[in-house]
PDB file of all heavy atoms in Angstrom:
ATOM      1  N   TYR A   1      -3.890   7.094  -7.029  1.00  0.00           N
ATOM      2  CA  TYR A   1      -5.016   7.805  -7.631  1.00  0.00           C
ATOM      3  C   TYR A   1      -5.746   6.881  -8.613  1.00  0.00           C
ATOM      4  O   TYR A   1      -5.155   6.384  -9.568  1.00  0.00           O
ATOM      5  CB  TYR A   1      -4.533   9.054  -8.361  1.00  0.00           C
ATOM      6  CG  TYR A   1      -5.630   9.821  -9.064  1.00  0.00           C
ATOM      7  CD1 TYR A   1      -6.396  10.756  -8.380  1.00  0.00           C
ATOM      8  CD2 TYR A   1      -5.897   9.595 -10.416  1.00  0.00           C
ATOM      9  CE1 TYR A   1      -7.401  11.467  -9.024  1.00  0.00           C
ATOM     10  CE2 TYR A   1      -6.905  10.297 -11.061  1.00  0.00           C
ATOM     11  CZ  TYR A   1      -7.654  11.222 -10.365  1.00  0.00           C
ATOM     12  OH  TYR A   1      -8.651  11.907 -10.993  1.00  0.00           O
ATOM     13  N   ILE A   2      -7.024   6.640  -8.371  1.00  0.00           N
ATOM     14  CA  ILE A   2      -7.818   5.762  -9.229  1.00  0.00           C
ATOM     15  C   ILE A   2      -9.185   6.422  -9.451  1.00  0.00           C
ATOM     16  O   ILE A   2      -9.927   6.684  -8.493  1.00  0.00           O
ATOM     17  CB  ILE A   2      -8.008   4.367  -8.595  1.00  0.00           C
ATOM     18  CG1 ILE A   2      -6.652   3.698  -8.359  1.00  0.00           C
ATOM     19  CG2 ILE A   2      -8.870   3.478  -9.502  1.00  0.00           C
ATOM     20  CD1 ILE A   2      -6.745   2.362  -7.641  1.00  0.00           C
ATOM     21  N   THR A   3      -9.504   6.693 -10.696  1.00  0.00           N
ATOM     22  CA  THR A   3     -10.819   7.236 -11.107  1.00  0.00           C
ATOM     23  C   THR A   3     -11.331   8.326 -10.170  1.00  0.00           C
ATOM     24  O   THR A   3     -12.408   8.223  -9.595  1.00  0.00           O
ATOM     25  CB  THR A   3     -11.866   6.109 -11.195  1.00  0.00           C
ATOM     26  OG1 THR A   3     -12.001   5.472  -9.901  1.00  0.00           O
ATOM     27  CG2 THR A   3     -11.477   5.089 -12.242  1.00  0.00           C
ATOM     28  N   GLY A   4     -10.529   9.384 -10.041  1.00  0.00           N
ATOM     29  CA  GLY A   4     -10.978  10.547  -9.300  1.00  0.00           C
ATOM     30  C   GLY A   4     -10.789  10.490  -7.812  1.00  0.00           C
ATOM     31  O   GLY A   4     -11.232  11.392  -7.100  1.00  0.00           O
ATOM     32  N   LYS A   5     -10.130   9.454  -7.314  1.00  0.00           N
ATOM     33  CA  LYS A   5      -9.974   9.322  -5.866  1.00  0.00           C
ATOM     34  C   LYS A   5      -8.580   8.808  -5.534  1.00  0.00           C
ATOM     35  O   LYS A   5      -8.074   7.901  -6.189  1.00  0.00           O
ATOM     36  CB  LYS A   5     -11.022   8.349  -5.313  1.00  0.00           C
ATOM     37  CG  LYS A   5     -10.918   8.115  -3.804  1.00  0.00           C
ATOM     38  CD  LYS A   5     -11.958   7.121  -3.327  1.00  0.00           C
ATOM     39  CE  LYS A   5     -11.851   6.871  -1.827  1.00  0.00           C
ATOM     40  NZ  LYS A   5     -12.854   5.885  -1.366  1.00  0.00           N
ATOM     41  N   VAL A   6      -7.968   9.387  -4.508  1.00  0.00           N
ATOM     42  CA  VAL A   6      -6.703   8.886  -3.984  1.00  0.00           C
ATOM     43  C   VAL A   6      -7.026   7.836  -2.924  1.00  0.00           C
ATOM     44  O   VAL A   6      -7.635   8.146  -1.895  1.00  0.00           O
ATOM     45  CB  VAL A   6      -5.853  10.023  -3.376  1.00  0.00           C
ATOM     46  CG1 VAL A   6      -4.609   9.454  -2.712  1.00  0.00           C
ATOM     47  CG2 VAL A   6      -5.471  11.028  -4.459  1.00  0.00           C
ATOM     48  N   VAL A   7      -6.645   6.607  -3.190  1.00  0.00           N
ATOM     49  CA  VAL A   7      -7.003   5.491  -2.309  1.00  0.00           C
ATOM     50  C   VAL A   7      -6.260   5.568  -0.980  1.00  0.00           C
ATOM     51  O   VAL A   7      -6.803   5.192   0.061  1.00  0.00           O
ATOM     52  CB  VAL A   7      -6.714   4.155  -3.023  1.00  0.00           C
ATOM     53  CG1 VAL A   7      -7.030   2.972  -2.109  1.00  0.00           C
ATOM     54  CG2 VAL A   7      -7.524   4.061  -4.306  1.00  0.00           C
ATOM     55  N   ARG A   8      -5.018   6.040  -1.014  1.00  0.00           N
ATOM     56  CA  ARG A   8      -4.228   6.144   0.219  1.00  0.00           C
ATOM     57  C   ARG A   8      -3.870   7.614   0.451  1.00  0.00           C
ATOM     58  O   ARG A   8      -2.757   8.063   0.165  1.00  0.00           O
ATOM     59  CB  ARG A   8      -2.962   5.276   0.113  1.00  0.00           C
ATOM     60  CG  ARG A   8      -3.271   3.788   0.098  1.00  0.00           C
ATOM     61  CD  ARG A   8      -2.017   2.932   0.102  1.00  0.00           C
ATOM     62  NE  ARG A   8      -1.363   2.895  -1.202  1.00  0.00           N
ATOM     63  CZ  ARG A   8      -1.637   2.028  -2.167  1.00  0.00           C
ATOM     64  NH1 ARG A   8      -2.579   1.124  -1.967  1.00  0.00           N
ATOM     65  NH2 ARG A   8      -0.983   2.051  -3.307  1.00  0.00           N
ATOM     66  N   PRO A   9      -4.813   8.398   0.986  1.00  0.00           N
ATOM     67  CA  PRO A   9      -4.617   9.845   1.086  1.00  0.00           C
ATOM     68  C   PRO A   9      -3.660  10.271   2.194  1.00  0.00           C
ATOM     69  O   PRO A   9      -3.098  11.367   2.122  1.00  0.00           O
ATOM     70  CB  PRO A   9      -6.029  10.370   1.354  1.00  0.00           C
ATOM     71  CG  PRO A   9      -6.722   9.241   2.050  1.00  0.00           C
ATOM     72  CD  PRO A   9      -6.166   7.986   1.443  1.00  0.00           C
ATOM     73  N   GLU A  10      -3.491   9.453   3.220  1.00  0.00           N
ATOM     74  CA  GLU A  10      -2.665   9.851   4.363  1.00  0.00           C
ATOM     75  C   GLU A  10      -1.331   9.112   4.337  1.00  0.00           C
ATOM     76  O   GLU A  10      -1.228   7.990   3.819  1.00  0.00           O
ATOM     77  CB  GLU A  10      -3.395   9.560   5.668  1.00  0.00           C
ATOM     78  CG  GLU A  10      -4.711  10.316   5.813  1.00  0.00           C
ATOM     79  CD  GLU A  10      -5.419   9.983   7.115  1.00  0.00           C
ATOM     80  OE1 GLU A  10      -4.712   9.646   8.097  1.00  0.00           O
ATOM     81  OE2 GLU A  10      -6.656  10.033   7.147  1.00  0.00           O
ATOM     82  N   ILE A  11      -0.319   9.728   4.941  1.00  0.00           N
ATOM     83  CA  ILE A  11       1.010   9.120   4.961  1.00  0.00           C
ATOM     84  C   ILE A  11       0.989   7.779   5.682  1.00  0.00           C
ATOM     85  O   ILE A  11       1.677   6.837   5.282  1.00  0.00           O
ATOM     86  CB  ILE A  11       2.025  10.085   5.613  1.00  0.00           C
ATOM     87  CG1 ILE A  11       2.262  11.288   4.696  1.00  0.00           C
ATOM     88  CG2 ILE A  11       3.344   9.373   5.898  1.00  0.00           C
ATOM     89  CD1 ILE A  11       3.226  12.310   5.240  1.00  0.00           C
ATOM     90  N   ARG A  12       0.166   7.665   6.716  1.00  0.00           N
ATOM     91  CA  ARG A  12       0.118   6.388   7.436  1.00  0.00           C
ATOM     92  C   ARG A  12      -0.365   5.270   6.519  1.00  0.00           C
ATOM     93  O   ARG A  12       0.062   4.126   6.634  1.00  0.00           O
ATOM     94  CB  ARG A  12      -0.753   6.490   8.689  1.00  0.00           C
ATOM     95  CG  ARG A  12      -2.228   6.744   8.439  1.00  0.00           C
ATOM     96  CD  ARG A  12      -2.964   6.977   9.750  1.00  0.00           C
ATOM     97  NE  ARG A  12      -4.369   7.277   9.527  1.00  0.00           N
ATOM     98  CZ  ARG A  12      -5.340   6.364   9.554  1.00  0.00           C
ATOM     99  NH1 ARG A  12      -5.046   5.089   9.801  1.00  0.00           N
ATOM    100  NH2 ARG A  12      -6.594   6.716   9.359  1.00  0.00           N
ATOM    101  N   HIS A  13      -1.278   5.591   5.616  1.00  0.00           N
ATOM    102  CA  HIS A  13      -1.757   4.587   4.672  1.00  0.00           C
ATOM    103  C   HIS A  13      -0.644   4.166   3.713  1.00  0.00           C
ATOM    104  O   HIS A  13      -0.509   3.001   3.366  1.00  0.00           O
ATOM    105  CB  HIS A  13      -2.931   5.135   3.856  1.00  0.00           C
ATOM    106  CG  HIS A  13      -4.101   5.525   4.682  1.00  0.00           C
ATOM    107  ND1 HIS A  13      -4.893   6.617   4.378  1.00  0.00           N
ATOM    108  CD2 HIS A  13      -4.616   4.981   5.813  1.00  0.00           C
ATOM    109  CE1 HIS A  13      -5.851   6.724   5.282  1.00  0.00           C
ATOM    110  NE2 HIS A  13      -5.708   5.743   6.158  1.00  0.00           N
ATOM    111  N   ARG A  14       0.172   5.142   3.282  1.00  0.00           N
ATOM    112  CA  ARG A  14       1.216   4.850   2.308  1.00  0.00           C
ATOM    113  C   ARG A  14       2.374   4.090   2.940  1.00  0.00           C
ATOM    114  O   ARG A  14       2.918   3.168   2.346  1.00  0.00           O
ATOM    115  CB  ARG A  14       1.692   6.158   1.666  1.00  0.00           C
ATOM    116  CG  ARG A  14       0.672   6.724   0.684  1.00  0.00           C
ATOM    117  CD  ARG A  14       1.098   8.094   0.182  1.00  0.00           C
ATOM    118  NE  ARG A  14       0.142   9.105   0.628  1.00  0.00           N
ATOM    119  CZ  ARG A  14       0.428  10.384   0.775  1.00  0.00           C
ATOM    120  NH1 ARG A  14       1.635  10.829   0.525  1.00  0.00           N
ATOM    121  NH2 ARG A  14      -0.507  11.228   1.168  1.00  0.00           N
ATOM    122  N   TYR A  15       2.745   4.498   4.156  1.00  0.00           N
ATOM    123  CA  TYR A  15       3.813   3.751   4.829  1.00  0.00           C
ATOM    124  C   TYR A  15       3.348   2.326   5.126  1.00  0.00           C
ATOM    125  O   TYR A  15       4.110   1.367   4.953  1.00  0.00           O
ATOM    126  CB  TYR A  15       4.233   4.439   6.135  1.00  0.00           C
ATOM    127  CG  TYR A  15       5.473   3.804   6.729  1.00  0.00           C
ATOM    128  CD1 TYR A  15       6.737   4.232   6.360  1.00  0.00           C
ATOM    129  CD2 TYR A  15       5.372   2.740   7.617  1.00  0.00           C
ATOM    130  CE1 TYR A  15       7.874   3.629   6.871  1.00  0.00           C
ATOM    131  CE2 TYR A  15       6.502   2.128   8.135  1.00  0.00           C
ATOM    132  CZ  TYR A  15       7.755   2.582   7.759  1.00  0.00           C
ATOM    133  OH  TYR A  15       8.868   1.963   8.256  1.00  0.00           O
ATOM    134  N   ARG A  16       2.109   2.193   5.537  1.00  0.00           N
ATOM    135  CA  ARG A  16       1.551   0.861   5.806  1.00  0.00           C
ATOM    136  C   ARG A  16       1.567   0.005   4.546  1.00  0.00           C
ATOM    137  O   ARG A  16       1.922  -1.180   4.590  1.00  0.00           O
ATOM    138  CB  ARG A  16       0.137   0.981   6.361  1.00  0.00           C
ATOM    139  CG  ARG A  16      -0.490  -0.345   6.762  1.00  0.00           C
ATOM    140  CD  ARG A  16      -1.889  -0.125   7.323  1.00  0.00           C
ATOM    141  NE  ARG A  16      -2.808   0.340   6.283  1.00  0.00           N
ATOM    142  CZ  ARG A  16      -4.057   0.744   6.533  1.00  0.00           C
ATOM    143  NH1 ARG A  16      -4.509   0.775   7.782  1.00  0.00           N
ATOM    144  NH2 ARG A  16      -4.838   1.131   5.546  1.00  0.00           N
ATOM    145  N   GLN A  17       1.170   0.589   3.409  1.00  0.00           N
ATOM    146  CA  GLN A  17       1.177  -0.134   2.146  1.00  0.00           C
ATOM    147  C   GLN A  17       2.578  -0.647   1.830  1.00  0.00           C
ATOM    148  O   GLN A  17       2.773  -1.803   1.449  1.00  0.00           O
ATOM    149  CB  GLN A  17       0.671   0.760   1.017  1.00  0.00           C
ATOM    150  CG  GLN A  17       1.054   0.335  -0.393  1.00  0.00           C
ATOM    151  CD  GLN A  17       0.423  -0.976  -0.815  1.00  0.00           C
ATOM    152  OE1 GLN A  17      -0.576  -1.401  -0.228  1.00  0.00           O
ATOM    153  NE2 GLN A  17       1.001  -1.620  -1.819  1.00  0.00           N
ATOM    154  N   TRP A  18       3.574   0.232   1.983  1.00  0.00           N
ATOM    155  CA  TRP A  18       4.949  -0.150   1.646  1.00  0.00           C
ATOM    156  C   TRP A  18       5.456  -1.269   2.557  1.00  0.00           C
ATOM    157  O   TRP A  18       5.949  -2.289   2.086  1.00  0.00           O
ATOM    158  CB  TRP A  18       5.865   1.075   1.754  1.00  0.00           C
ATOM    159  CG  TRP A  18       7.314   0.746   1.515  1.00  0.00           C
ATOM    160  CD1 TRP A  18       7.895   0.391   0.337  1.00  0.00           C
ATOM    161  CD2 TRP A  18       8.356   0.734   2.495  1.00  0.00           C
ATOM    162  NE1 TRP A  18       9.241   0.160   0.515  1.00  0.00           N
ATOM    163  CE2 TRP A  18       9.550   0.371   1.836  1.00  0.00           C
ATOM    164  CE3 TRP A  18       8.398   1.005   3.864  1.00  0.00           C
ATOM    165  CZ2 TRP A  18      10.772   0.268   2.501  1.00  0.00           C
ATOM    166  CZ3 TRP A  18       9.619   0.907   4.523  1.00  0.00           C
ATOM    167  CH2 TRP A  18      10.784   0.536   3.844  1.00  0.00           C
ATOM    168  N   LEU A  19       5.314  -1.082   3.860  1.00  0.00           N
ATOM    169  CA  LEU A  19       5.894  -2.048   4.788  1.00  0.00           C
ATOM    170  C   LEU A  19       5.164  -3.385   4.743  1.00  0.00           C
ATOM    171  O   LEU A  19       5.801  -4.449   4.725  1.00  0.00           O
ATOM    172  CB  LEU A  19       5.897  -1.472   6.210  1.00  0.00           C
ATOM    173  CG  LEU A  19       6.656  -2.290   7.248  1.00  0.00           C
ATOM    174  CD1 LEU A  19       7.389  -1.370   8.224  1.00  0.00           C
ATOM    175  CD2 LEU A  19       5.709  -3.194   8.035  1.00  0.00           C
ATOM    176  N   VAL A  20       3.835  -3.371   4.726  1.00  0.00           N
ATOM    177  CA  VAL A  20       3.084  -4.634   4.713  1.00  0.00           C
ATOM    178  C   VAL A  20       3.322  -5.387   3.411  1.00  0.00           C
ATOM    179  O   VAL A  20       3.484  -6.615   3.408  1.00  0.00           O
ATOM    180  CB  VAL A  20       1.584  -4.370   4.937  1.00  0.00           C
ATOM    181  CG1 VAL A  20       0.773  -5.649   4.740  1.00  0.00           C
ATOM    182  CG2 VAL A  20       1.342  -3.817   6.344  1.00  0.00           C
ATOM    183  N   HIS A  21       3.360  -4.660   2.300  1.00  0.00           N
ATOM    184  CA  HIS A  21       3.633  -5.336   1.027  1.00  0.00           C
ATOM    185  C   HIS A  21       5.050  -5.896   1.015  1.00  0.00           C
ATOM    186  O   HIS A  21       5.269  -7.064   0.686  1.00  0.00           O
ATOM    187  CB  HIS A  21       3.451  -4.367  -0.141  1.00  0.00           C
ATOM    188  CG  HIS A  21       3.713  -4.990  -1.480  1.00  0.00           C
ATOM    189  ND1 HIS A  21       4.315  -4.318  -2.512  1.00  0.00           N
ATOM    190  CD2 HIS A  21       3.466  -6.245  -1.943  1.00  0.00           C
ATOM    191  CE1 HIS A  21       4.421  -5.121  -3.561  1.00  0.00           C
ATOM    192  NE2 HIS A  21       3.923  -6.290  -3.238  1.00  0.00           N
ATOM    193  N   LYS A  22       6.020  -5.082   1.405  1.00  0.00           N
ATOM    194  CA  LYS A  22       7.420  -5.497   1.339  1.00  0.00           C
ATOM    195  C   LYS A  22       7.694  -6.719   2.205  1.00  0.00           C
ATOM    196  O   LYS A  22       8.406  -7.649   1.782  1.00  0.00           O
ATOM    197  CB  LYS A  22       8.314  -4.332   1.776  1.00  0.00           C
ATOM    198  CG  LYS A  22       9.811  -4.607   1.731  1.00  0.00           C
ATOM    199  CD  LYS A  22      10.315  -4.720   0.321  1.00  0.00           C
ATOM    200  CE  LYS A  22      10.160  -3.423  -0.436  1.00  0.00           C
ATOM    201  NZ  LYS A  22      10.707  -3.523  -1.812  1.00  0.00           N
ATOM    202  N   LEU A  23       7.146  -6.734   3.404  1.00  0.00           N
ATOM    203  CA  LEU A  23       7.510  -7.777   4.363  1.00  0.00           C
ATOM    204  C   LEU A  23       6.511  -8.919   4.462  1.00  0.00           C
ATOM    205  O   LEU A  23       6.892 -10.030   4.842  1.00  0.00           O
ATOM    206  CB  LEU A  23       7.686  -7.149   5.752  1.00  0.00           C
ATOM    207  CG  LEU A  23       8.755  -6.047   5.870  1.00  0.00           C
ATOM    208  CD1 LEU A  23       8.844  -5.566   7.308  1.00  0.00           C
ATOM    209  CD2 LEU A  23      10.109  -6.518   5.375  1.00  0.00           C
ATOM    210  N   ALA A  24       5.246  -8.677   4.114  1.00  0.00           N
ATOM    211  CA  ALA A  24       4.223  -9.710   4.329  1.00  0.00           C
ATOM    212  C   ALA A  24       3.591 -10.203   3.033  1.00  0.00           C
ATOM    213  O   ALA A  24       3.787 -11.356   2.635  1.00  0.00           O
ATOM    214  CB  ALA A  24       3.151  -9.192   5.289  1.00  0.00           C
ATOM    215  N   THR A  25       2.828  -9.349   2.345  1.00  0.00           N
ATOM    216  CA  THR A  25       2.089  -9.835   1.175  1.00  0.00           C
ATOM    217  C   THR A  25       3.001 -10.139  -0.011  1.00  0.00           C
ATOM    218  O   THR A  25       2.602 -10.852  -0.933  1.00  0.00           O
ATOM    219  CB  THR A  25       1.011  -8.823   0.751  1.00  0.00           C
ATOM    220  OG1 THR A  25       1.623  -7.550   0.472  1.00  0.00           O
ATOM    221  CG2 THR A  25      -0.006  -8.638   1.863  1.00  0.00           C
ATOM    222  N   TRP A  26       4.209  -9.612   0.001  1.00  0.00           N
ATOM    223  CA  TRP A  26       5.190  -9.980  -1.023  1.00  0.00           C
ATOM    224  C   TRP A  26       5.432 -11.488  -1.003  1.00  0.00           C
ATOM    225  O   TRP A  26       5.718 -12.104  -2.025  1.00  0.00           O
ATOM    226  CB  TRP A  26       6.491  -9.229  -0.749  1.00  0.00           C
ATOM    227  CG  TRP A  26       7.461  -9.130  -1.899  1.00  0.00           C
ATOM    228  CD1 TRP A  26       8.092 -10.164  -2.532  1.00  0.00           C
ATOM    229  CD2 TRP A  26       7.917  -7.941  -2.537  1.00  0.00           C
ATOM    230  NE1 TRP A  26       8.924  -9.688  -3.508  1.00  0.00           N
ATOM    231  CE2 TRP A  26       8.835  -8.319  -3.541  1.00  0.00           C
ATOM    232  CE3 TRP A  26       7.653  -6.590  -2.357  1.00  0.00           C
ATOM    233  CZ2 TRP A  26       9.489  -7.401  -4.359  1.00  0.00           C
ATOM    234  CZ3 TRP A  26       8.309  -5.684  -3.172  1.00  0.00           C
ATOM    235  CH2 TRP A  26       9.205  -6.084  -4.159  1.00  0.00           C
ATOM    236  N   GLN A  27       5.303 -12.096   0.151  1.00  0.00           N
ATOM    237  CA  GLN A  27       5.515 -13.539   0.270  1.00  0.00           C
ATOM    238  C   GLN A  27       4.498 -14.321  -0.555  1.00  0.00           C
ATOM    239  O   GLN A  27       4.809 -15.394  -1.084  1.00  0.00           O
ATOM    240  CB  GLN A  27       5.464 -13.960   1.732  1.00  0.00           C
ATOM    241  CG  GLN A  27       6.566 -13.338   2.590  1.00  0.00           C
ATOM    242  CD  GLN A  27       6.585 -13.866   3.998  1.00  0.00           C
ATOM    243  OE1 GLN A  27       6.477 -15.078   4.225  1.00  0.00           O
ATOM    244  NE2 GLN A  27       6.719 -12.986   4.978  1.00  0.00           N
ATOM    245  N   GLN A  28       3.285 -13.785  -0.692  1.00  0.00           N
ATOM    246  CA  GLN A  28       2.288 -14.435  -1.537  1.00  0.00           C
ATOM    247  C   GLN A  28       2.652 -14.309  -3.011  1.00  0.00           C
ATOM    248  O   GLN A  28       2.357 -15.193  -3.813  1.00  0.00           O
ATOM    249  CB  GLN A  28       0.907 -13.818  -1.278  1.00  0.00           C
ATOM    250  CG  GLN A  28       0.420 -14.006   0.147  1.00  0.00           C
ATOM    251  CD  GLN A  28      -0.867 -13.238   0.424  1.00  0.00           C
ATOM    252  OE1 GLN A  28      -1.221 -12.306  -0.308  1.00  0.00           O
ATOM    253  NE2 GLN A  28      -1.569 -13.614   1.482  1.00  0.00           N
ATOM    254  N   GLN A  29       3.306 -13.191  -3.380  1.00  0.00           N
ATOM    255  CA  GLN A  29       3.698 -12.983  -4.771  1.00  0.00           C
ATOM    256  C   GLN A  29       4.897 -13.828  -5.172  1.00  0.00           C
ATOM    257  O   GLN A  29       4.915 -14.445  -6.232  1.00  0.00           O
ATOM    258  CB  GLN A  29       4.062 -11.504  -4.996  1.00  0.00           C
ATOM    259  CG  GLN A  29       2.886 -10.569  -5.179  1.00  0.00           C
ATOM    260  CD  GLN A  29       3.367  -9.175  -5.493  1.00  0.00           C
ATOM    261  OE1 GLN A  29       3.805  -8.448  -4.612  1.00  0.00           O
ATOM    262  NE2 GLN A  29       3.300  -8.799  -6.754  1.00  0.00           N
ATOM    263  N   PHE A  30       5.914 -13.821  -4.333  1.00  0.00           N
ATOM    264  CA  PHE A  30       7.200 -14.389  -4.720  1.00  0.00           C
ATOM    265  C   PHE A  30       7.686 -15.528  -3.825  1.00  0.00           C
ATOM    266  O   PHE A  30       8.786 -16.047  -4.023  1.00  0.00           O
ATOM    267  CB  PHE A  30       8.260 -13.287  -4.737  1.00  0.00           C
ATOM    268  CG  PHE A  30       7.952 -12.176  -5.705  1.00  0.00           C
ATOM    269  CD1 PHE A  30       7.558 -10.927  -5.253  1.00  0.00           C
ATOM    270  CD2 PHE A  30       8.046 -12.374  -7.074  1.00  0.00           C
ATOM    271  CE1 PHE A  30       7.273  -9.896  -6.135  1.00  0.00           C
ATOM    272  CE2 PHE A  30       7.771 -11.358  -7.965  1.00  0.00           C
ATOM    273  CZ  PHE A  30       7.380 -10.123  -7.505  1.00  0.00           C
TER     274      PHE A  30
END
């Protein structure tokens, strides 16, 4: 939720966020 809007309103968006971050973009962080 950011300034009056839910950025990831659907479950597919949230699962995608978790899996892609955990397995892919996390590599850019750590």
